[in-house]
């Protein structure tokens, strides 16, 4: 399974890298792999779909990130049809969303910077 960098995911989602870093630091998102400090996080395409769903919920419903992330995780885990609570329903066409995120990730991979590792060369 392919892993994407935070920079690539940020480019695909059109958000600052800082937003993704902060979200992943505060909340657990399935499909995010991080070993230890100093090792770059890697995100699966499914993790990027969860983040895109979260962003859509935040923007359209103006709800806090924690709540939007819980709803996004439930929608993606159950196939995305409907999330229902308190008489309200949220519908999601998960197939269409995955296709859109996949296309944007493919474009982002082509133009995103490759992170440099290790010490800089001495002059």
PDB file of N, CA and C in Angstrom:
ATOM      1  N   UNK A   1       0.843  -1.179   0.000  1.00  0.00           N
ATOM      2  CA  UNK A   1       0.000   0.000   0.000  1.00  0.00           C
ATOM      3  C   UNK A   1       0.892   1.248   0.000  1.00  0.00           C
ATOM      4  N   UNK A   2       0.560   2.198  -0.815  1.00  0.00           N
ATOM      5  CA  UNK A   2       1.358   3.405  -0.952  1.00  0.00           C
ATOM      6  C   UNK A   2       1.158   4.335   0.236  1.00  0.00           C
ATOM      7  N   UNK A   3       2.234   4.970   0.667  1.00  0.00           N
ATOM      8  CA  UNK A   3       2.159   5.964   1.727  1.00  0.00           C
ATOM      9  C   UNK A   3       2.517   7.329   1.173  1.00  0.00           C
ATOM     10  N   UNK A   4       1.760   8.329   1.582  1.00  0.00           N
ATOM     11  CA  UNK A   4       1.983   9.691   1.109  1.00  0.00           C
ATOM     12  C   UNK A   4       2.564  10.528   2.230  1.00  0.00           C
ATOM     13  N   UNK A   5       3.379  11.508   1.883  1.00  0.00           N
ATOM     14  CA  UNK A   5       3.926  12.411   2.885  1.00  0.00           C
ATOM     15  C   UNK A   5       2.847  13.412   3.306  1.00  0.00           C
ATOM     16  N   UNK A   6       3.096  14.070   4.408  1.00  0.00           N
ATOM     17  CA  UNK A   6       2.176  15.103   4.880  1.00  0.00           C
ATOM     18  C   UNK A   6       2.104  16.235   3.859  1.00  0.00           C
ATOM     19  N   UNK A   7       3.240  16.578   3.251  1.00  0.00           N
ATOM     20  CA  UNK A   7       3.259  17.651   2.248  1.00  0.00           C
ATOM     21  C   UNK A   7       2.407  17.296   1.034  1.00  0.00           C
ATOM     22  N   UNK A   8       2.478  16.052   0.595  1.00  0.00           N
ATOM     23  CA  UNK A   8       1.671  15.609  -0.546  1.00  0.00           C
ATOM     24  C   UNK A   8       0.191  15.640  -0.204  1.00  0.00           C
ATOM     25  N   UNK A   9      -0.154  15.157   0.985  1.00  0.00           N
ATOM     26  CA  UNK A   9      -1.552  15.174   1.417  1.00  0.00           C
ATOM     27  C   UNK A   9      -2.070  16.608   1.526  1.00  0.00           C
ATOM     28  N   UNK A  10      -1.254  17.501   2.069  1.00  0.00           N
ATOM     29  CA  UNK A  10      -1.660  18.907   2.208  1.00  0.00           C
ATOM     30  C   UNK A  10      -1.907  19.535   0.841  1.00  0.00           C
ATOM     31  N   UNK A  11      -1.058  19.211  -0.105  1.00  0.00           N
ATOM     32  CA  UNK A  11      -1.222  19.734  -1.466  1.00  0.00           C
ATOM     33  C   UNK A  11      -2.506  19.194  -2.091  1.00  0.00           C
ATOM     34  N   UNK A  12      -2.773  17.917  -1.903  1.00  0.00           N
ATOM     35  CA  UNK A  12      -3.978  17.302  -2.473  1.00  0.00           C
ATOM     36  C   UNK A  12      -5.253  17.851  -1.830  1.00  0.00           C
ATOM     37  N   UNK A  13      -5.187  18.169  -0.537  1.00  0.00           N
ATOM     38  CA  UNK A  13      -6.366  18.662   0.182  1.00  0.00           C
ATOM     39  C   UNK A  13      -6.476  20.185   0.165  1.00  0.00           C
ATOM     40  N   UNK A  14      -5.457  20.849  -0.369  1.00  0.00           N
ATOM     41  CA  UNK A  14      -5.422  22.312  -0.434  1.00  0.00           C
ATOM     42  C   UNK A  14      -5.536  22.941   0.955  1.00  0.00           C
ATOM     43  N   UNK A  15      -4.740  22.421   1.880  1.00  0.00           N
ATOM     44  CA  UNK A  15      -4.657  22.962   3.237  1.00  0.00           C
ATOM     45  C   UNK A  15      -3.185  23.136   3.586  1.00  0.00           C
ATOM     46  N   UNK A  16      -2.885  23.970   4.573  1.00  0.00           N
ATOM     47  CA  UNK A  16      -1.489  24.091   5.000  1.00  0.00           C
ATOM     48  C   UNK A  16      -0.985  22.787   5.631  1.00  0.00           C
ATOM     49  N   UNK A  17       0.295  22.517   5.458  1.00  0.00           N
ATOM     50  CA  UNK A  17       0.921  21.350   6.082  1.00  0.00           C
ATOM     51  C   UNK A  17       0.703  21.399   7.588  1.00  0.00           C
ATOM     52  N   UNK A  18       0.738  22.589   8.141  1.00  0.00           N
ATOM     53  CA  UNK A  18       0.563  22.776   9.591  1.00  0.00           C
ATOM     54  C   UNK A  18      -0.786  22.235  10.065  1.00  0.00           C
ATOM     55  N   UNK A  19      -1.844  22.411   9.265  1.00  0.00           N
ATOM     56  CA  UNK A  19      -3.159  21.904   9.679  1.00  0.00           C
ATOM     57  C   UNK A  19      -3.127  20.390   9.821  1.00  0.00           C
ATOM     58  N   UNK A  20      -2.529  19.721   8.844  1.00  0.00           N
ATOM     59  CA  UNK A  20      -2.452  18.260   8.916  1.00  0.00           C
ATOM     60  C   UNK A  20      -1.571  17.829  10.078  1.00  0.00           C
ATOM     61  N   UNK A  21      -0.418  18.460  10.236  1.00  0.00           N
ATOM     62  CA  UNK A  21       0.466  18.121  11.355  1.00  0.00           C
ATOM     63  C   UNK A  21      -0.242  18.283  12.697  1.00  0.00           C
ATOM     64  N   UNK A  22      -0.926  19.401  12.877  1.00  0.00           N
ATOM     65  CA  UNK A  22      -1.638  19.632  14.139  1.00  0.00           C
ATOM     66  C   UNK A  22      -2.755  18.610  14.346  1.00  0.00           C
ATOM     67  N   UNK A  23      -3.503  18.322  13.300  1.00  0.00           N
ATOM     68  CA  UNK A  23      -4.592  17.350  13.410  1.00  0.00           C
ATOM     69  C   UNK A  23      -4.055  15.973  13.772  1.00  0.00           C
ATOM     70  N   UNK A  24      -2.981  15.555  13.113  1.00  0.00           N
ATOM     71  CA  UNK A  24      -2.418  14.232  13.388  1.00  0.00           C
ATOM     72  C   UNK A  24      -1.723  14.172  14.748  1.00  0.00           C
ATOM     73  N   UNK A  25      -1.269  15.318  15.242  1.00  0.00           N
ATOM     74  CA  UNK A  25      -0.642  15.352  16.570  1.00  0.00           C
ATOM     75  C   UNK A  25      -1.674  15.236  17.684  1.00  0.00           C
ATOM     76  N   UNK A  26      -2.860  15.764  17.445  1.00  0.00           N
ATOM     77  CA  UNK A  26      -3.890  15.788  18.486  1.00  0.00           C
ATOM     78  C   UNK A  26      -4.886  14.634  18.411  1.00  0.00           C
ATOM     79  N   UNK A  27      -5.069  14.061  17.230  1.00  0.00           N
ATOM     80  CA  UNK A  27      -6.089  13.030  17.049  1.00  0.00           C
ATOM     81  C   UNK A  27      -5.499  11.823  16.327  1.00  0.00           C
ATOM     82  N   UNK A  28      -6.058  10.675  16.628  1.00  0.00           N
ATOM     83  CA  UNK A  28      -5.625   9.445  15.960  1.00  0.00           C
ATOM     84  C   UNK A  28      -6.469   9.240  14.707  1.00  0.00           C
ATOM     85  N   UNK A  29      -5.787   9.063  13.581  1.00  0.00           N
ATOM     86  CA  UNK A  29      -6.455   8.835  12.303  1.00  0.00           C
ATOM     87  C   UNK A  29      -5.970   7.488  11.763  1.00  0.00           C
ATOM     88  N   UNK A  30      -6.882   6.559  11.511  1.00  0.00           N
ATOM     89  CA  UNK A  30      -6.463   5.270  10.960  1.00  0.00           C
ATOM     90  C   UNK A  30      -5.773   5.460   9.609  1.00  0.00           C
ATOM     91  N   UNK A  31      -4.700   4.702   9.398  1.00  0.00           N
ATOM     92  CA  UNK A  31      -3.975   4.801   8.138  1.00  0.00           C
ATOM     93  C   UNK A  31      -2.821   5.773   8.178  1.00  0.00           C
ATOM     94  N   UNK A  32      -2.509   6.305   9.362  1.00  0.00           N
ATOM     95  CA  UNK A  32      -1.362   7.197   9.509  1.00  0.00           C
ATOM     96  C   UNK A  32      -0.277   6.416  10.235  1.00  0.00           C
ATOM     97  N   UNK A  33       0.887   6.345   9.622  1.00  0.00           N
ATOM     98  CA  UNK A  33       1.990   5.594  10.208  1.00  0.00           C
ATOM     99  C   UNK A  33       3.079   6.555  10.640  1.00  0.00           C
ATOM    100  N   UNK A  34       3.435   6.450  11.895  1.00  0.00           N
ATOM    101  CA  UNK A  34       4.550   7.235  12.402  1.00  0.00           C
ATOM    102  C   UNK A  34       5.310   6.361  13.388  1.00  0.00           C
ATOM    103  N   UNK A  35       6.602   6.304  13.211  1.00  0.00           N
ATOM    104  CA  UNK A  35       7.424   5.425  14.034  1.00  0.00           C
ATOM    105  C   UNK A  35       7.849   6.116  15.320  1.00  0.00           C
ATOM    106  N   UNK A  36       8.608   7.159  15.184  1.00  0.00           N
ATOM    107  CA  UNK A  36       9.085   7.892  16.346  1.00  0.00           C
ATOM    108  C   UNK A  36       9.503   9.274  15.899  1.00  0.00           C
ATOM    109  N   UNK A  37       9.929  10.076  16.845  1.00  0.00           N
ATOM    110  CA  UNK A  37      10.336  11.438  16.521  1.00  0.00           C
ATOM    111  C   UNK A  37      11.481  11.405  15.510  1.00  0.00           C
ATOM    112  N   UNK A  38      11.401  12.258  14.525  1.00  0.00           N
ATOM    113  CA  UNK A  38      12.433  12.332  13.508  1.00  0.00           C
ATOM    114  C   UNK A  38      12.129  11.507  12.272  1.00  0.00           C
ATOM    115  N   UNK A  39      11.133  10.645  12.350  1.00  0.00           N
ATOM    116  CA  UNK A  39      10.720   9.838  11.198  1.00  0.00           C
ATOM    117  C   UNK A  39       9.433  10.445  10.646  1.00  0.00           C
ATOM    118  N   UNK A  40       9.440  10.755   9.362  1.00  0.00           N
ATOM    119  CA  UNK A  40       8.289  11.416   8.746  1.00  0.00           C
ATOM    120  C   UNK A  40       7.057  10.509   8.767  1.00  0.00           C
ATOM    121  N   UNK A  41       5.915  11.112   9.010  1.00  0.00           N
ATOM    122  CA  UNK A  41       4.647  10.375   8.955  1.00  0.00           C
ATOM    123  C   UNK A  41       4.339   9.991   7.518  1.00  0.00           C
ATOM    124  N   UNK A  42       3.650   8.869   7.374  1.00  0.00           N
ATOM    125  CA  UNK A  42       3.163   8.429   6.074  1.00  0.00           C
ATOM    126  C   UNK A  42       1.661   8.208   6.201  1.00  0.00           C
ATOM    127  N   UNK A  43       0.913   8.638   5.208  1.00  0.00           N
ATOM    128  CA  UNK A  43      -0.540   8.514   5.219  1.00  0.00           C
ATOM    129  C   UNK A  43      -0.978   7.624   4.066  1.00  0.00           C
ATOM    130  N   UNK A  44      -1.912   6.733   4.347  1.00  0.00           N
ATOM    131  CA  UNK A  44      -2.504   5.944   3.274  1.00  0.00           C
ATOM    132  C   UNK A  44      -3.543   6.812   2.567  1.00  0.00           C
ATOM    133  N   UNK A  45      -3.979   6.360   1.408  1.00  0.00           N
ATOM    134  CA  UNK A  45      -5.016   7.118   0.696  1.00  0.00           C
ATOM    135  C   UNK A  45      -6.303   7.156   1.517  1.00  0.00           C
ATOM    136  N   UNK A  46      -6.561   6.109   2.290  1.00  0.00           N
ATOM    137  CA  UNK A  46      -7.771   6.094   3.125  1.00  0.00           C
ATOM    138  C   UNK A  46      -7.689   7.158   4.225  1.00  0.00           C
ATOM    139  N   UNK A  47      -6.507   7.382   4.775  1.00  0.00           N
ATOM    140  CA  UNK A  47      -6.334   8.441   5.782  1.00  0.00           C
ATOM    141  C   UNK A  47      -6.591   9.814   5.156  1.00  0.00           C
ATOM    142  N   UNK A  48      -6.164   9.990   3.922  1.00  0.00           N
ATOM    143  CA  UNK A  48      -6.400  11.259   3.226  1.00  0.00           C
ATOM    144  C   UNK A  48      -7.896  11.434   2.955  1.00  0.00           C
ATOM    145  N   UNK A  49      -8.601  10.360   2.657  1.00  0.00           N
ATOM    146  CA  UNK A  49     -10.056  10.418   2.464  1.00  0.00           C
ATOM    147  C   UNK A  49     -10.737  10.836   3.770  1.00  0.00           C
ATOM    148  N   UNK A  50     -10.281  10.286   4.892  1.00  0.00           N
ATOM    149  CA  UNK A  50     -10.844  10.674   6.197  1.00  0.00           C
ATOM    150  C   UNK A  50     -10.607  12.158   6.450  1.00  0.00           C
ATOM    151  N   UNK A  51      -9.407  12.641   6.147  1.00  0.00           N
ATOM    152  CA  UNK A  51      -9.110  14.063   6.354  1.00  0.00           C
ATOM    153  C   UNK A  51      -9.933  14.950   5.425  1.00  0.00           C
ATOM    154  N   UNK A  52     -10.125  14.523   4.176  1.00  0.00           N
ATOM    155  CA  UNK A  52     -10.965  15.301   3.244  1.00  0.00           C
ATOM    156  C   UNK A  52     -12.408  15.354   3.735  1.00  0.00           C
ATOM    157  N   UNK A  53     -12.912  14.235   4.217  1.00  0.00           N
ATOM    158  CA  UNK A  53     -14.273  14.200   4.762  1.00  0.00           C
ATOM    159  C   UNK A  53     -14.375  15.124   5.971  1.00  0.00           C
ATOM    160  N   UNK A  54     -13.366  15.087   6.821  1.00  0.00           N
ATOM    161  CA  UNK A  54     -13.324  15.961   7.996  1.00  0.00           C
ATOM    162  C   UNK A  54     -13.365  17.419   7.576  1.00  0.00           C
ATOM    163  N   UNK A  55     -12.568  17.782   6.597  1.00  0.00           N
ATOM    164  CA  UNK A  55     -12.557  19.164   6.113  1.00  0.00           C
ATOM    165  C   UNK A  55     -13.911  19.584   5.564  1.00  0.00           C
ATOM    166  N   UNK A  56     -14.547  18.702   4.821  1.00  0.00           N
ATOM    167  CA  UNK A  56     -15.874  19.032   4.278  1.00  0.00           C
ATOM    168  C   UNK A  56     -16.893  19.257   5.386  1.00  0.00           C
ATOM    169  N   UNK A  57     -16.833  18.423   6.431  1.00  0.00           N
ATOM    170  CA  UNK A  57     -17.755  18.586   7.556  1.00  0.00           C
ATOM    171  C   UNK A  57     -17.479  19.887   8.310  1.00  0.00           C
ATOM    172  N   UNK A  58     -16.219  20.196   8.514  1.00  0.00           N
ATOM    173  CA  UNK A  58     -15.854  21.443   9.211  1.00  0.00           C
ATOM    174  C   UNK A  58     -16.355  22.649   8.431  1.00  0.00           C
ATOM    175  N   UNK A  59     -16.112  22.638   7.129  1.00  0.00           N
ATOM    176  CA  UNK A  59     -16.476  23.783   6.297  1.00  0.00           C
ATOM    177  C   UNK A  59     -17.980  23.931   6.092  1.00  0.00           C
ATOM    178  N   UNK A  60     -18.675  22.821   5.903  1.00  0.00           N
ATOM    179  CA  UNK A  60     -20.101  22.930   5.597  1.00  0.00           C
ATOM    180  C   UNK A  60     -20.969  23.012   6.848  1.00  0.00           C
ATOM    181  N   UNK A  61     -20.597  22.320   7.915  1.00  0.00           N
ATOM    182  CA  UNK A  61     -21.420  22.321   9.127  1.00  0.00           C
ATOM    183  C   UNK A  61     -20.872  23.195  10.247  1.00  0.00           C
ATOM    184  N   UNK A  62     -19.651  23.708  10.029  1.00  0.00           N
ATOM    185  CA  UNK A  62     -18.994  24.561  11.029  1.00  0.00           C
ATOM    186  C   UNK A  62     -18.943  23.880  12.400  1.00  0.00           C
ATOM    187  N   UNK A  63     -18.471  22.633  12.408  1.00  0.00           N
ATOM    188  CA  UNK A  63     -18.340  21.893  13.658  1.00  0.00           C
ATOM    189  C   UNK A  63     -16.860  21.753  14.007  1.00  0.00           C
ATOM    190  N   UNK A  64     -16.554  21.516  15.276  1.00  0.00           N
ATOM    191  CA  UNK A  64     -15.155  21.380  15.691  1.00  0.00           C
ATOM    192  C   UNK A  64     -14.458  20.180  15.029  1.00  0.00           C
ATOM    193  N   UNK A  65     -13.158  20.273  14.931  1.00  0.00           N
ATOM    194  CA  UNK A  65     -12.369  19.231  14.279  1.00  0.00           C
ATOM    195  C   UNK A  65     -12.570  17.869  14.920  1.00  0.00           C
ATOM    196  N   UNK A  66     -12.568  17.791  16.243  1.00  0.00           N
ATOM    197  CA  UNK A  66     -12.708  16.500  16.932  1.00  0.00           C
ATOM    198  C   UNK A  66     -14.008  15.809  16.537  1.00  0.00           C
ATOM    199  N   UNK A  67     -15.086  16.545  16.530  1.00  0.00           N
ATOM    200  CA  UNK A  67     -16.395  15.971  16.180  1.00  0.00           C
ATOM    201  C   UNK A  67     -16.443  15.589  14.699  1.00  0.00           C
ATOM    202  N   UNK A  68     -15.928  16.473  13.855  1.00  0.00           N
ATOM    203  CA  UNK A  68     -15.914  16.201  12.415  1.00  0.00           C
ATOM    204  C   UNK A  68     -15.075  14.957  12.116  1.00  0.00           C
ATOM    205  N   UNK A  69     -13.975  14.793  12.808  1.00  0.00           N
ATOM    206  CA  UNK A  69     -13.114  13.633  12.592  1.00  0.00           C
ATOM    207  C   UNK A  69     -13.796  12.342  13.025  1.00  0.00           C
ATOM    208  N   UNK A  70     -14.509  12.380  14.133  1.00  0.00           N
ATOM    209  CA  UNK A  70     -15.260  11.190  14.575  1.00  0.00           C
ATOM    210  C   UNK A  70     -16.324  10.797  13.549  1.00  0.00           C
ATOM    211  N   UNK A  71     -17.050  11.777  13.049  1.00  0.00           N
ATOM    212  CA  UNK A  71     -18.086  11.499  12.049  1.00  0.00           C
ATOM    213  C   UNK A  71     -17.450  10.978  10.762  1.00  0.00           C
ATOM    214  N   UNK A  72     -16.349  11.600  10.338  1.00  0.00           N
ATOM    215  CA  UNK A  72     -15.658  11.180   9.112  1.00  0.00           C
ATOM    216  C   UNK A  72     -15.158   9.747   9.234  1.00  0.00           C
ATOM    217  N   UNK A  73     -14.609   9.401  10.382  1.00  0.00           N
ATOM    218  CA  UNK A  73     -14.117   8.037  10.579  1.00  0.00           C
ATOM    219  C   UNK A  73     -15.263   7.035  10.537  1.00  0.00           C
ATOM    220  N   UNK A  74     -16.387   7.395  11.130  1.00  0.00           N
ATOM    221  CA  UNK A  74     -17.535   6.486  11.111  1.00  0.00           C
ATOM    222  C   UNK A  74     -18.089   6.339   9.690  1.00  0.00           C
ATOM    223  N   UNK A  75     -18.184   7.445   8.966  1.00  0.00           N
ATOM    224  CA  UNK A  75     -18.689   7.388   7.592  1.00  0.00           C
ATOM    225  C   UNK A  75     -17.794   6.528   6.701  1.00  0.00           C
ATOM    226  N   UNK A  76     -16.498   6.699   6.810  1.00  0.00           N
ATOM    227  CA  UNK A  76     -15.599   5.938   5.940  1.00  0.00           C
ATOM    228  C   UNK A  76     -15.499   4.477   6.370  1.00  0.00           C
ATOM    229  N   UNK A  77     -15.619   4.212   7.653  1.00  0.00           N
ATOM    230  CA  UNK A  77     -15.536   2.827   8.143  1.00  0.00           C
ATOM    231  C   UNK A  77     -16.771   2.013   7.760  1.00  0.00           C
ATOM    232  N   UNK A  78     -17.923   2.675   7.657  1.00  0.00           N
ATOM    233  CA  UNK A  78     -19.163   1.962   7.374  1.00  0.00           C
ATOM    234  C   UNK A  78     -19.558   2.006   5.898  1.00  0.00           C
ATOM    235  N   UNK A  79     -18.687   2.516   5.068  1.00  0.00           N
ATOM    236  CA  UNK A  79     -19.016   2.557   3.642  1.00  0.00           C
ATOM    237  C   UNK A  79     -19.573   3.884   3.191  1.00  0.00           C
ATOM    238  N   UNK A  80     -19.783   4.794   4.110  1.00  0.00           N
ATOM    239  CA  UNK A  80     -20.096   6.159   3.771  1.00  0.00           C
ATOM    240  C   UNK A  80     -21.517   6.539   3.462  1.00  0.00           C
ATOM    241  N   UNK A  81     -22.456   5.630   3.554  1.00  0.00           N
ATOM    242  CA  UNK A  81     -23.795   6.009   3.129  1.00  0.00           C
ATOM    243  C   UNK A  81     -24.385   7.128   3.979  1.00  0.00           C
ATOM    244  N   UNK A  82     -24.674   6.866   5.258  1.00  0.00           N
ATOM    245  CA  UNK A  82     -25.371   7.862   6.077  1.00  0.00           C
ATOM    246  C   UNK A  82     -24.846   7.825   7.508  1.00  0.00           C
ATOM    247  N   UNK A  83     -24.658   9.015   8.086  1.00  0.00           N
ATOM    248  CA  UNK A  83     -24.383   9.149   9.508  1.00  0.00           C
ATOM    249  C   UNK A  83     -25.602   9.844  10.096  1.00  0.00           C
ATOM    250  N   UNK A  84     -26.187   9.261  11.128  1.00  0.00           N
ATOM    251  CA  UNK A  84     -27.405   9.809  11.697  1.00  0.00           C
ATOM    252  C   UNK A  84     -27.256   9.997  13.195  1.00  0.00           C
ATOM    253  N   UNK A  85     -27.675  11.163  13.678  1.00  0.00           N
ATOM    254  CA  UNK A  85     -27.672  11.442  15.109  1.00  0.00           C
ATOM    255  C   UNK A  85     -28.673  12.548  15.406  1.00  0.00           C
ATOM    256  N   UNK A  86     -29.430  12.383  16.443  1.00  0.00           N
ATOM    257  CA  UNK A  86     -30.356  13.416  16.885  1.00  0.00           C
ATOM    258  C   UNK A  86     -31.332  13.891  15.836  1.00  0.00           C
ATOM    259  N   UNK A  87     -31.766  13.020  14.952  1.00  0.00           N
ATOM    260  CA  UNK A  87     -32.717  13.415  13.931  1.00  0.00           C
ATOM    261  C   UNK A  87     -32.097  14.045  12.698  1.00  0.00           C
ATOM    262  N   UNK A  88     -30.775  14.194  12.689  1.00  0.00           N
ATOM    263  CA  UNK A  88     -30.078  14.761  11.533  1.00  0.00           C
ATOM    264  C   UNK A  88     -29.311  13.661  10.820  1.00  0.00           C
ATOM    265  N   UNK A  89     -29.217  13.790   9.516  1.00  0.00           N
ATOM    266  CA  UNK A  89     -28.479  12.823   8.722  1.00  0.00           C
ATOM    267  C   UNK A  89     -27.445  13.521   7.866  1.00  0.00           C
ATOM    268  N   UNK A  90     -26.290  12.887   7.754  1.00  0.00           N
ATOM    269  CA  UNK A  90     -25.239  13.349   6.852  1.00  0.00           C
ATOM    270  C   UNK A  90     -25.012  12.242   5.845  1.00  0.00           C
ATOM    271  N   UNK A  91     -25.158  12.569   4.561  1.00  0.00           N
ATOM    272  CA  UNK A  91     -24.947  11.582   3.497  1.00  0.00           C
ATOM    273  C   UNK A  91     -23.628  11.884   2.800  1.00  0.00           C
ATOM    274  N   UNK A  92     -22.970  10.809   2.387  1.00  0.00           N
ATOM    275  CA  UNK A  92     -21.671  10.947   1.732  1.00  0.00           C
ATOM    276  C   UNK A  92     -21.571   9.939   0.602  1.00  0.00           C
ATOM    277  N   UNK A  93     -21.211  10.414  -0.572  1.00  0.00           N
ATOM    278  CA  UNK A  93     -20.948   9.526  -1.698  1.00  0.00           C
ATOM    279  C   UNK A  93     -19.465   9.178  -1.628  1.00  0.00           C
ATOM    280  N   UNK A  94     -19.159   8.128  -0.899  1.00  0.00           N
ATOM    281  CA  UNK A  94     -17.776   7.761  -0.623  1.00  0.00           C
ATOM    282  C   UNK A  94     -17.022   7.356  -1.888  1.00  0.00           C
ATOM    283  N   UNK A  95     -17.687   6.720  -2.808  1.00  0.00           N
ATOM    284  CA  UNK A  95     -17.038   6.336  -4.066  1.00  0.00           C
ATOM    285  C   UNK A  95     -16.546   7.536  -4.848  1.00  0.00           C
ATOM    286  N   UNK A  96     -17.395   8.540  -4.957  1.00  0.00           N
ATOM    287  CA  UNK A  96     -17.031   9.760  -5.673  1.00  0.00           C
ATOM    288  C   UNK A  96     -15.912  10.494  -4.941  1.00  0.00           C
ATOM    289  N   UNK A  97     -16.004  10.549  -3.611  1.00  0.00           N
ATOM    290  CA  UNK A  97     -14.980  11.231  -2.823  1.00  0.00           C
ATOM    291  C   UNK A  97     -13.628  10.537  -2.967  1.00  0.00           C
ATOM    292  N   UNK A  98     -13.621   9.207  -2.899  1.00  0.00           N
ATOM    293  CA  UNK A  98     -12.362   8.460  -3.049  1.00  0.00           C
ATOM    294  C   UNK A  98     -11.745   8.695  -4.426  1.00  0.00           C
ATOM    295  N   UNK A  99     -12.570   8.713  -5.456  1.00  0.00           N
ATOM    296  CA  UNK A  99     -12.064   8.943  -6.810  1.00  0.00           C
ATOM    297  C   UNK A  99     -11.449  10.340  -6.931  1.00  0.00           C
ATOM    298  N   UNK A 100     -12.112  11.333  -6.363  1.00  0.00           N
ATOM    299  CA  UNK A 100     -11.605  12.710  -6.421  1.00  0.00           C
ATOM    300  C   UNK A 100     -10.294  12.845  -5.650  1.00  0.00           C
ATOM    301  N   UNK A 101     -10.235  12.251  -4.459  1.00  0.00           N
ATOM    302  CA  UNK A 101      -9.014  12.320  -3.646  1.00  0.00           C
ATOM    303  C   UNK A 101      -7.887  11.575  -4.353  1.00  0.00           C
ATOM    304  N   UNK A 102      -8.181  10.439  -4.942  1.00  0.00           N
ATOM    305  CA  UNK A 102      -7.174   9.659  -5.659  1.00  0.00           C
ATOM    306  C   UNK A 102      -6.575  10.460  -6.815  1.00  0.00           C
ATOM    307  N   UNK A 103      -7.419  11.140  -7.561  1.00  0.00           N
ATOM    308  CA  UNK A 103      -6.945  11.959  -8.683  1.00  0.00           C
ATOM    309  C   UNK A 103      -6.086  13.115  -8.190  1.00  0.00           C
ATOM    310  N   UNK A 104      -6.522  13.763  -7.106  1.00  0.00           N
ATOM    311  CA  UNK A 104      -5.736  14.887  -6.567  1.00  0.00           C
ATOM    312  C   UNK A 104      -4.414  14.417  -5.982  1.00  0.00           C
ATOM    313  N   UNK A 105      -4.404  13.222  -5.354  1.00  0.00           N
ATOM    314  CA  UNK A 105      -3.150  12.672  -4.829  1.00  0.00           C
ATOM    315  C   UNK A 105      -2.173  12.367  -5.966  1.00  0.00           C
ATOM    316  N   UNK A 106      -2.685  11.827  -7.058  1.00  0.00           N
ATOM    317  CA  UNK A 106      -1.832  11.527  -8.214  1.00  0.00           C
ATOM    318  C   UNK A 106      -1.187  12.809  -8.746  1.00  0.00           C
ATOM    319  N   UNK A 107      -1.958  13.880  -8.818  1.00  0.00           N
ATOM    320  CA  UNK A 107      -1.413  15.167  -9.265  1.00  0.00           C
ATOM    321  C   UNK A 107      -0.413  15.714  -8.251  1.00  0.00           C
ATOM    322  N   UNK A 108      -0.731  15.594  -6.976  1.00  0.00           N
ATOM    323  CA  UNK A 108       0.126  16.136  -5.924  1.00  0.00           C
ATOM    324  C   UNK A 108       1.468  15.416  -5.860  1.00  0.00           C
ATOM    325  N   UNK A 109       1.472  14.124  -6.129  1.00  0.00           N
ATOM    326  CA  UNK A 109       2.721  13.358  -6.106  1.00  0.00           C
ATOM    327  C   UNK A 109       3.694  13.900  -7.150  1.00  0.00           C
ATOM    328  N   UNK A 110       3.163  14.338  -8.271  1.00  0.00           N
ATOM    329  CA  UNK A 110       4.006  14.845  -9.350  1.00  0.00           C
ATOM    330  C   UNK A 110       4.692  16.163  -9.005  1.00  0.00           C
ATOM    331  N   UNK A 111       4.046  16.983  -8.182  1.00  0.00           N
ATOM    332  CA  UNK A 111       4.600  18.325  -7.943  1.00  0.00           C
ATOM    333  C   UNK A 111       5.044  18.580  -6.506  1.00  0.00           C
ATOM    334  N   UNK A 112       4.773  17.654  -5.594  1.00  0.00           N
ATOM    335  CA  UNK A 112       5.143  17.899  -4.198  1.00  0.00           C
ATOM    336  C   UNK A 112       6.640  17.693  -4.006  1.00  0.00           C
ATOM    337  N   UNK A 113       7.208  18.439  -3.069  1.00  0.00           N
ATOM    338  CA  UNK A 113       8.649  18.307  -2.827  1.00  0.00           C
ATOM    339  C   UNK A 113       8.968  16.979  -2.135  1.00  0.00           C
ATOM    340  N   UNK A 114      10.115  16.421  -2.471  1.00  0.00           N
ATOM    341  CA  UNK A 114      10.582  15.210  -1.802  1.00  0.00           C
ATOM    342  C   UNK A 114      11.372  15.657  -0.574  1.00  0.00           C
ATOM    343  N   UNK A 115      10.964  15.205   0.623  1.00  0.00           N
ATOM    344  CA  UNK A 115      11.663  15.665   1.822  1.00  0.00           C
ATOM    345  C   UNK A 115      13.096  15.159   1.861  1.00  0.00           C
ATOM    346  N   UNK A 116      14.005  16.056   2.193  1.00  0.00           N
ATOM    347  CA  UNK A 116      15.400  15.672   2.325  1.00  0.00           C
ATOM    348  C   UNK A 116      15.636  15.096   3.709  1.00  0.00           C
ATOM    349  N   UNK A 117      16.460  14.092   3.776  1.00  0.00           N
ATOM    350  CA  UNK A 117      16.758  13.445   5.043  1.00  0.00           C
ATOM    351  C   UNK A 117      18.248  13.561   5.312  1.00  0.00           C
ATOM    352  N   UNK A 118      18.604  13.540   6.572  1.00  0.00           N
ATOM    353  CA  UNK A 118      20.026  13.539   6.939  1.00  0.00           C
ATOM    354  C   UNK A 118      20.587  14.936   7.063  1.00  0.00           C
ATOM    355  N   UNK A 119      21.873  14.956   7.320  1.00  0.00           N
ATOM    356  CA  UNK A 119      22.573  16.226   7.492  1.00  0.00           C
ATOM    357  C   UNK A 119      22.866  16.868   6.135  1.00  0.00           C
ATOM    358  N   UNK A 120      22.877  18.198   6.123  1.00  0.00           N
ATOM    359  CA  UNK A 120      23.252  18.872   4.876  1.00  0.00           C
ATOM    360  C   UNK A 120      24.742  18.652   4.582  1.00  0.00           C
ATOM    361  N   UNK A 121      25.104  18.699   3.313  1.00  0.00           N
ATOM    362  CA  UNK A 121      26.495  18.546   2.935  1.00  0.00           C
ATOM    363  C   UNK A 121      27.336  19.688   3.482  1.00  0.00           C
ATOM    364  N   UNK A 122      28.545  19.377   3.843  1.00  0.00           N
ATOM    365  CA  UNK A 122      29.462  20.454   4.271  1.00  0.00           C
ATOM    366  C   UNK A 122      30.077  21.072   3.038  1.00  0.00           C
ATOM    367  N   UNK A 123      30.338  22.321   3.096  1.00  0.00           N
ATOM    368  CA  UNK A 123      30.842  23.042   1.906  1.00  0.00           C
ATOM    369  C   UNK A 123      32.311  23.013   1.839  1.00  0.00           C
TER     370      UNK A 123
END
